[in-house]
Amino acid sequence: MTTNLIQPTQNEAWGFWGTMGERAAQAWPIAFIAIHDATGTDPDSARAFLDSRHGRHFADEVSNHLHAGASLQDAIARATATWMGWKINQRTSRETGIPAGLPYLTGFVINEGIAANAE
């Protein structure tokens, strides 16, 4: 694991961290690396995604897999695969400007990174 690129959350109350609750500290670096590696995006974008409302929804997906009996590592891997398998559709593309056909995870990680840079 490339721990030197992992950035700390800037949103402990919400997003991925807030949703993961007592598992947040353990889950954050695993999810951060999984998202960074799957999307090929920069660390700032991975952190922005995890801290966003989309990060909360990603954590919900992780929790679904945990409740089904997966380990934390496997739950995050499965959630990552699920989000990479979904594609941005035309409606979402019109609403967000994310190109249609892009993997959902990649699109929203890039989108949140751009939004964070604009602030």
N, C-alpha and C. Protein backbone atom coordinates (compact mmCIF):
# COMPACT_ATOMS: atom_id res chain seq x y z
N MET A 1 0.85 -1.19 0.00
CA MET A 1 0.00 0.00 0.00
C MET A 1 0.89 1.24 0.00
N THR A 2 0.56 2.19 -0.82
CA THR A 2 1.32 3.42 -0.93
C THR A 2 0.75 4.44 0.05
N THR A 3 1.16 4.33 1.30
CA THR A 3 0.57 5.15 2.35
C THR A 3 0.98 6.62 2.27
N ASN A 4 2.06 6.94 1.56
CA ASN A 4 2.49 8.33 1.51
C ASN A 4 1.57 9.20 0.65
N LEU A 5 0.70 8.61 -0.17
CA LEU A 5 -0.21 9.43 -0.96
C LEU A 5 -1.57 9.60 -0.31
N ILE A 6 -1.84 8.87 0.76
CA ILE A 6 -3.14 8.93 1.41
C ILE A 6 -3.28 10.25 2.16
N GLN A 7 -4.32 10.98 1.81
CA GLN A 7 -4.60 12.25 2.47
C GLN A 7 -5.66 12.05 3.54
N PRO A 8 -5.56 12.77 4.63
CA PRO A 8 -6.58 12.63 5.68
C PRO A 8 -7.91 13.26 5.26
N THR A 9 -8.97 12.78 5.85
CA THR A 9 -10.28 13.36 5.58
C THR A 9 -10.32 14.81 6.03
N GLN A 10 -11.14 15.57 5.36
CA GLN A 10 -11.43 16.94 5.79
C GLN A 10 -12.91 17.04 6.19
N ASN A 11 -13.53 15.88 6.38
CA ASN A 11 -14.96 15.84 6.66
C ASN A 11 -15.28 14.63 7.54
N GLU A 12 -14.92 14.70 8.79
CA GLU A 12 -15.17 13.58 9.70
C GLU A 12 -16.64 13.40 10.04
N ALA A 13 -17.45 14.41 9.82
CA ALA A 13 -18.85 14.34 10.20
C ALA A 13 -19.74 13.72 9.12
N TRP A 14 -19.30 13.70 7.90
CA TRP A 14 -20.15 13.28 6.79
C TRP A 14 -19.30 12.50 5.80
N GLY A 15 -19.73 12.37 4.57
CA GLY A 15 -18.95 11.66 3.57
C GLY A 15 -18.66 10.23 3.98
N PHE A 16 -17.61 9.67 3.42
CA PHE A 16 -17.22 8.29 3.70
C PHE A 16 -16.89 8.11 5.18
N TRP A 17 -16.07 9.00 5.72
CA TRP A 17 -15.62 8.87 7.12
C TRP A 17 -16.80 8.85 8.08
N GLY A 18 -17.67 9.84 7.96
CA GLY A 18 -18.80 9.94 8.87
C GLY A 18 -19.75 8.76 8.76
N THR A 19 -19.91 8.23 7.56
CA THR A 19 -20.81 7.10 7.35
C THR A 19 -20.21 5.81 7.88
N MET A 20 -18.91 5.65 7.80
CA MET A 20 -18.26 4.41 8.26
C MET A 20 -18.17 4.33 9.78
N GLY A 21 -18.35 5.44 10.47
CA GLY A 21 -18.39 5.43 11.93
C GLY A 21 -17.13 4.85 12.56
N GLU A 22 -17.31 3.86 13.43
CA GLU A 22 -16.17 3.31 14.18
C GLU A 22 -15.17 2.58 13.29
N ARG A 23 -15.54 2.25 12.09
CA ARG A 23 -14.61 1.59 11.16
C ARG A 23 -13.87 2.59 10.26
N ALA A 24 -14.15 3.86 10.41
CA ALA A 24 -13.62 4.87 9.50
C ALA A 24 -12.09 4.89 9.44
N ALA A 25 -11.44 4.88 10.59
CA ALA A 25 -9.98 4.97 10.60
C ALA A 25 -9.33 3.78 9.89
N GLN A 26 -9.91 2.62 10.03
CA GLN A 26 -9.37 1.43 9.37
C GLN A 26 -9.75 1.43 7.88
N ALA A 27 -10.97 1.86 7.56
CA ALA A 27 -11.47 1.79 6.18
C ALA A 27 -10.89 2.87 5.28
N TRP A 28 -10.61 4.05 5.82
CA TRP A 28 -10.17 5.18 5.00
C TRP A 28 -8.96 4.84 4.11
N PRO A 29 -7.85 4.37 4.66
CA PRO A 29 -6.69 4.12 3.78
C PRO A 29 -6.96 3.03 2.74
N ILE A 30 -7.74 2.03 3.09
CA ILE A 30 -8.05 0.96 2.13
C ILE A 30 -8.89 1.53 0.99
N ALA A 31 -9.92 2.30 1.33
CA ALA A 31 -10.78 2.89 0.30
C ALA A 31 -10.01 3.92 -0.52
N PHE A 32 -9.18 4.71 0.12
CA PHE A 32 -8.43 5.74 -0.58
C PHE A 32 -7.56 5.11 -1.67
N ILE A 33 -6.81 4.08 -1.31
CA ILE A 33 -5.93 3.42 -2.27
C ILE A 33 -6.75 2.72 -3.35
N ALA A 34 -7.83 2.06 -2.97
CA ALA A 34 -8.67 1.36 -3.94
C ALA A 34 -9.23 2.32 -4.98
N ILE A 35 -9.71 3.46 -4.53
CA ILE A 35 -10.28 4.45 -5.44
C ILE A 35 -9.19 5.09 -6.30
N HIS A 36 -8.10 5.45 -5.68
CA HIS A 36 -6.98 6.04 -6.42
C HIS A 36 -6.49 5.09 -7.51
N ASP A 37 -6.29 3.83 -7.15
CA ASP A 37 -5.77 2.85 -8.11
C ASP A 37 -6.78 2.53 -9.21
N ALA A 38 -8.05 2.41 -8.85
CA ALA A 38 -9.08 2.05 -9.84
C ALA A 38 -9.32 3.17 -10.84
N THR A 39 -9.25 4.41 -10.39
CA THR A 39 -9.60 5.54 -11.25
C THR A 39 -8.39 6.20 -11.91
N GLY A 40 -7.21 5.99 -11.34
CA GLY A 40 -6.02 6.64 -11.88
C GLY A 40 -6.01 8.14 -11.67
N THR A 41 -6.79 8.60 -10.71
CA THR A 41 -6.87 10.04 -10.45
C THR A 41 -5.85 10.45 -9.39
N ASP A 42 -5.73 11.74 -9.19
CA ASP A 42 -4.78 12.26 -8.22
C ASP A 42 -5.33 12.12 -6.80
N PRO A 43 -4.44 12.14 -5.80
CA PRO A 43 -4.88 11.99 -4.40
C PRO A 43 -5.89 13.05 -3.96
N ASP A 44 -5.75 14.28 -4.44
CA ASP A 44 -6.71 15.33 -4.05
C ASP A 44 -8.13 14.97 -4.47
N SER A 45 -8.25 14.40 -5.67
CA SER A 45 -9.58 14.02 -6.17
C SER A 45 -10.14 12.84 -5.39
N ALA A 46 -9.30 11.88 -5.05
CA ALA A 46 -9.76 10.74 -4.26
C ALA A 46 -10.27 11.21 -2.90
N ARG A 47 -9.55 12.12 -2.25
CA ARG A 47 -10.00 12.65 -0.96
C ARG A 47 -11.29 13.44 -1.12
N ALA A 48 -11.36 14.28 -2.15
CA ALA A 48 -12.57 15.08 -2.36
C ALA A 48 -13.79 14.18 -2.57
N PHE A 49 -13.61 13.10 -3.33
CA PHE A 49 -14.71 12.16 -3.54
C PHE A 49 -15.13 11.53 -2.22
N LEU A 50 -14.19 11.00 -1.48
CA LEU A 50 -14.53 10.33 -0.22
C LEU A 50 -15.18 11.29 0.78
N ASP A 51 -14.81 12.55 0.74
CA ASP A 51 -15.39 13.53 1.65
C ASP A 51 -16.76 14.05 1.19
N SER A 52 -17.16 13.72 -0.02
CA SER A 52 -18.40 14.24 -0.60
C SER A 52 -19.61 13.37 -0.28
N ARG A 53 -20.76 13.82 -0.74
CA ARG A 53 -21.98 13.02 -0.58
C ARG A 53 -21.86 11.71 -1.35
N HIS A 54 -21.08 11.72 -2.43
CA HIS A 54 -20.87 10.48 -3.18
C HIS A 54 -20.02 9.51 -2.36
N GLY A 55 -19.11 10.04 -1.56
CA GLY A 55 -18.34 9.21 -0.64
C GLY A 55 -19.23 8.54 0.39
N ARG A 56 -20.27 9.24 0.81
CA ARG A 56 -21.24 8.67 1.74
C ARG A 56 -21.96 7.50 1.07
N HIS A 57 -22.35 7.68 -0.19
CA HIS A 57 -23.03 6.60 -0.91
C HIS A 57 -22.09 5.42 -1.16
N PHE A 58 -20.82 5.71 -1.41
CA PHE A 58 -19.82 4.65 -1.56
C PHE A 58 -19.70 3.87 -0.25
N ALA A 59 -19.69 4.58 0.87
CA ALA A 59 -19.63 3.93 2.18
C ALA A 59 -20.87 3.06 2.42
N ASP A 60 -22.02 3.52 1.95
CA ASP A 60 -23.23 2.70 2.06
C ASP A 60 -23.05 1.38 1.31
N GLU A 61 -22.45 1.44 0.14
CA GLU A 61 -22.19 0.23 -0.64
C GLU A 61 -21.22 -0.69 0.10
N VAL A 62 -20.18 -0.11 0.69
CA VAL A 62 -19.24 -0.90 1.49
C VAL A 62 -19.99 -1.57 2.64
N SER A 63 -20.84 -0.82 3.32
CA SER A 63 -21.60 -1.35 4.45
C SER A 63 -22.51 -2.50 4.03
N ASN A 64 -23.11 -2.40 2.84
CA ASN A 64 -23.95 -3.49 2.34
C ASN A 64 -23.14 -4.77 2.24
N HIS A 65 -21.93 -4.67 1.73
CA HIS A 65 -21.08 -5.86 1.59
C HIS A 65 -20.61 -6.37 2.96
N LEU A 66 -20.35 -5.47 3.89
CA LEU A 66 -19.98 -5.89 5.25
C LEU A 66 -21.12 -6.66 5.89
N HIS A 67 -22.33 -6.16 5.74
CA HIS A 67 -23.50 -6.83 6.33
C HIS A 67 -23.75 -8.19 5.68
N ALA A 68 -23.28 -8.35 4.45
CA ALA A 68 -23.42 -9.65 3.76
C ALA A 68 -22.31 -10.62 4.14
N GLY A 69 -21.38 -10.17 5.02
CA GLY A 69 -20.36 -11.06 5.53
C GLY A 69 -18.96 -10.87 4.97
N ALA A 70 -18.76 -9.89 4.11
CA ALA A 70 -17.43 -9.64 3.55
C ALA A 70 -16.52 -8.99 4.58
N SER A 71 -15.22 -9.25 4.45
CA SER A 71 -14.24 -8.53 5.27
C SER A 71 -14.20 -7.08 4.80
N LEU A 72 -13.61 -6.21 5.59
CA LEU A 72 -13.52 -4.81 5.20
C LEU A 72 -12.79 -4.65 3.87
N GLN A 73 -11.66 -5.32 3.73
CA GLN A 73 -10.89 -5.24 2.47
C GLN A 73 -11.74 -5.70 1.29
N ASP A 74 -12.43 -6.82 1.43
CA ASP A 74 -13.26 -7.34 0.34
C ASP A 74 -14.47 -6.45 0.08
N ALA A 75 -15.06 -5.92 1.14
CA ALA A 75 -16.22 -5.04 0.97
C ALA A 75 -15.85 -3.80 0.16
N ILE A 76 -14.69 -3.23 0.44
CA ILE A 76 -14.24 -2.05 -0.30
C ILE A 76 -13.90 -2.43 -1.74
N ALA A 77 -13.26 -3.58 -1.93
CA ALA A 77 -12.96 -4.04 -3.30
C ALA A 77 -14.23 -4.27 -4.10
N ARG A 78 -15.23 -4.86 -3.46
CA ARG A 78 -16.50 -5.12 -4.15
C ARG A 78 -17.24 -3.83 -4.46
N ALA A 79 -17.24 -2.89 -3.52
CA ALA A 79 -17.89 -1.60 -3.78
C ALA A 79 -17.18 -0.87 -4.91
N THR A 80 -15.86 -0.93 -4.92
CA THR A 80 -15.09 -0.30 -5.99
C THR A 80 -15.45 -0.93 -7.33
N ALA A 81 -15.50 -2.25 -7.38
CA ALA A 81 -15.85 -2.95 -8.63
C ALA A 81 -17.26 -2.59 -9.08
N THR A 82 -18.18 -2.50 -8.14
CA THR A 82 -19.56 -2.15 -8.48
C THR A 82 -19.61 -0.76 -9.10
N TRP A 83 -18.98 0.21 -8.45
CA TRP A 83 -19.00 1.59 -8.95
C TRP A 83 -18.25 1.73 -10.26
N MET A 84 -17.22 0.93 -10.46
CA MET A 84 -16.50 0.97 -11.75
C MET A 84 -17.32 0.29 -12.85
N GLY A 85 -18.20 -0.62 -12.48
CA GLY A 85 -19.04 -1.31 -13.45
C GLY A 85 -20.21 -0.48 -13.94
N TRP A 86 -20.68 0.43 -13.10
CA TRP A 86 -21.76 1.33 -13.52
C TRP A 86 -21.18 2.36 -14.48
N LYS A 87 -21.98 2.79 -15.44
CA LYS A 87 -21.53 3.80 -16.41
C LYS A 87 -22.39 5.05 -16.29
N ILE A 88 -21.77 6.18 -16.55
CA ILE A 88 -22.50 7.46 -16.57
C ILE A 88 -23.46 7.42 -17.76
N ASN A 89 -24.75 7.65 -17.49
CA ASN A 89 -25.73 7.65 -18.59
C ASN A 89 -25.93 9.07 -19.13
N GLN A 90 -26.73 9.18 -20.17
CA GLN A 90 -26.95 10.49 -20.81
C GLN A 90 -27.56 11.52 -19.85
N ARG A 91 -28.51 11.08 -19.05
CA ARG A 91 -29.15 12.01 -18.12
C ARG A 91 -28.14 12.56 -17.11
N THR A 92 -27.37 11.67 -16.50
CA THR A 92 -26.35 12.11 -15.54
C THR A 92 -25.32 12.99 -16.22
N SER A 93 -24.98 12.66 -17.44
CA SER A 93 -24.03 13.47 -18.20
C SER A 93 -24.57 14.89 -18.40
N ARG A 94 -25.83 15.01 -18.78
CA ARG A 94 -26.43 16.34 -18.97
C ARG A 94 -26.47 17.12 -17.66
N GLU A 95 -26.77 16.42 -16.55
CA GLU A 95 -26.89 17.08 -15.25
C GLU A 95 -25.55 17.50 -14.66
N THR A 96 -24.52 16.72 -14.92
CA THR A 96 -23.23 16.96 -14.25
C THR A 96 -22.11 17.42 -15.17
N GLY A 97 -22.25 17.14 -16.47
CA GLY A 97 -21.16 17.44 -17.40
C GLY A 97 -20.13 16.32 -17.48
N ILE A 98 -20.33 15.24 -16.73
CA ILE A 98 -19.43 14.09 -16.80
C ILE A 98 -19.73 13.35 -18.09
N PRO A 99 -18.73 13.00 -18.88
CA PRO A 99 -18.99 12.33 -20.15
C PRO A 99 -19.74 11.00 -19.98
N ALA A 100 -20.76 10.80 -20.80
CA ALA A 100 -21.51 9.54 -20.79
C ALA A 100 -20.58 8.39 -21.15
N GLY A 101 -20.82 7.26 -20.51
CA GLY A 101 -20.03 6.07 -20.76
C GLY A 101 -18.85 5.90 -19.84
N LEU A 102 -18.46 6.95 -19.16
CA LEU A 102 -17.34 6.87 -18.21
C LEU A 102 -17.77 6.04 -17.00
N PRO A 103 -16.87 5.23 -16.43
CA PRO A 103 -17.25 4.52 -15.20
C PRO A 103 -17.72 5.52 -14.13
N TYR A 104 -18.77 5.14 -13.44
CA TYR A 104 -19.38 5.99 -12.43
C TYR A 104 -18.36 6.49 -11.41
N LEU A 105 -17.54 5.58 -10.90
CA LEU A 105 -16.57 5.96 -9.90
C LEU A 105 -15.57 6.97 -10.46
N THR A 106 -15.03 6.70 -11.61
CA THR A 106 -14.07 7.61 -12.23
C THR A 106 -14.69 8.98 -12.45
N GLY A 107 -15.90 9.00 -13.00
CA GLY A 107 -16.57 10.27 -13.28
C GLY A 107 -16.79 11.11 -12.05
N PHE A 108 -17.27 10.49 -10.98
CA PHE A 108 -17.55 11.27 -9.78
C PHE A 108 -16.30 11.63 -9.00
N VAL A 109 -15.27 10.81 -9.08
CA VAL A 109 -14.00 11.19 -8.44
C VAL A 109 -13.42 12.42 -9.15
N ILE A 110 -13.40 12.39 -10.48
CA ILE A 110 -12.91 13.55 -11.23
C ILE A 110 -13.77 14.77 -10.97
N ASN A 111 -15.09 14.59 -10.98
CA ASN A 111 -16.01 15.70 -10.76
C ASN A 111 -15.81 16.35 -9.40
N GLU A 112 -15.65 15.54 -8.37
CA GLU A 112 -15.44 16.10 -7.03
C GLU A 112 -14.07 16.76 -6.92
N GLY A 113 -13.07 16.23 -7.61
CA GLY A 113 -11.75 16.85 -7.63
C GLY A 113 -11.80 18.23 -8.27
N ILE A 114 -12.53 18.34 -9.37
CA ILE A 114 -12.67 19.64 -10.04
C ILE A 114 -13.41 20.62 -9.13
N ALA A 115 -14.47 20.16 -8.51
CA ALA A 115 -15.23 21.04 -7.60
C ALA A 115 -14.37 21.51 -6.44
N ALA A 116 -13.55 20.63 -5.89
CA ALA A 116 -12.67 21.00 -4.78
C ALA A 116 -11.63 22.02 -5.22
N ASN A 117 -11.11 21.88 -6.42
CA ASN A 117 -10.12 22.83 -6.93
C ASN A 117 -10.73 24.19 -7.22
N ALA A 118 -12.02 24.21 -7.51
CA ALA A 118 -12.70 25.48 -7.82
C ALA A 118 -12.97 26.31 -6.57
N GLU A 119 -12.93 25.67 -5.40
CA GLU A 119 -13.25 26.39 -4.15
C GLU A 119 -12.15 27.27 -3.71
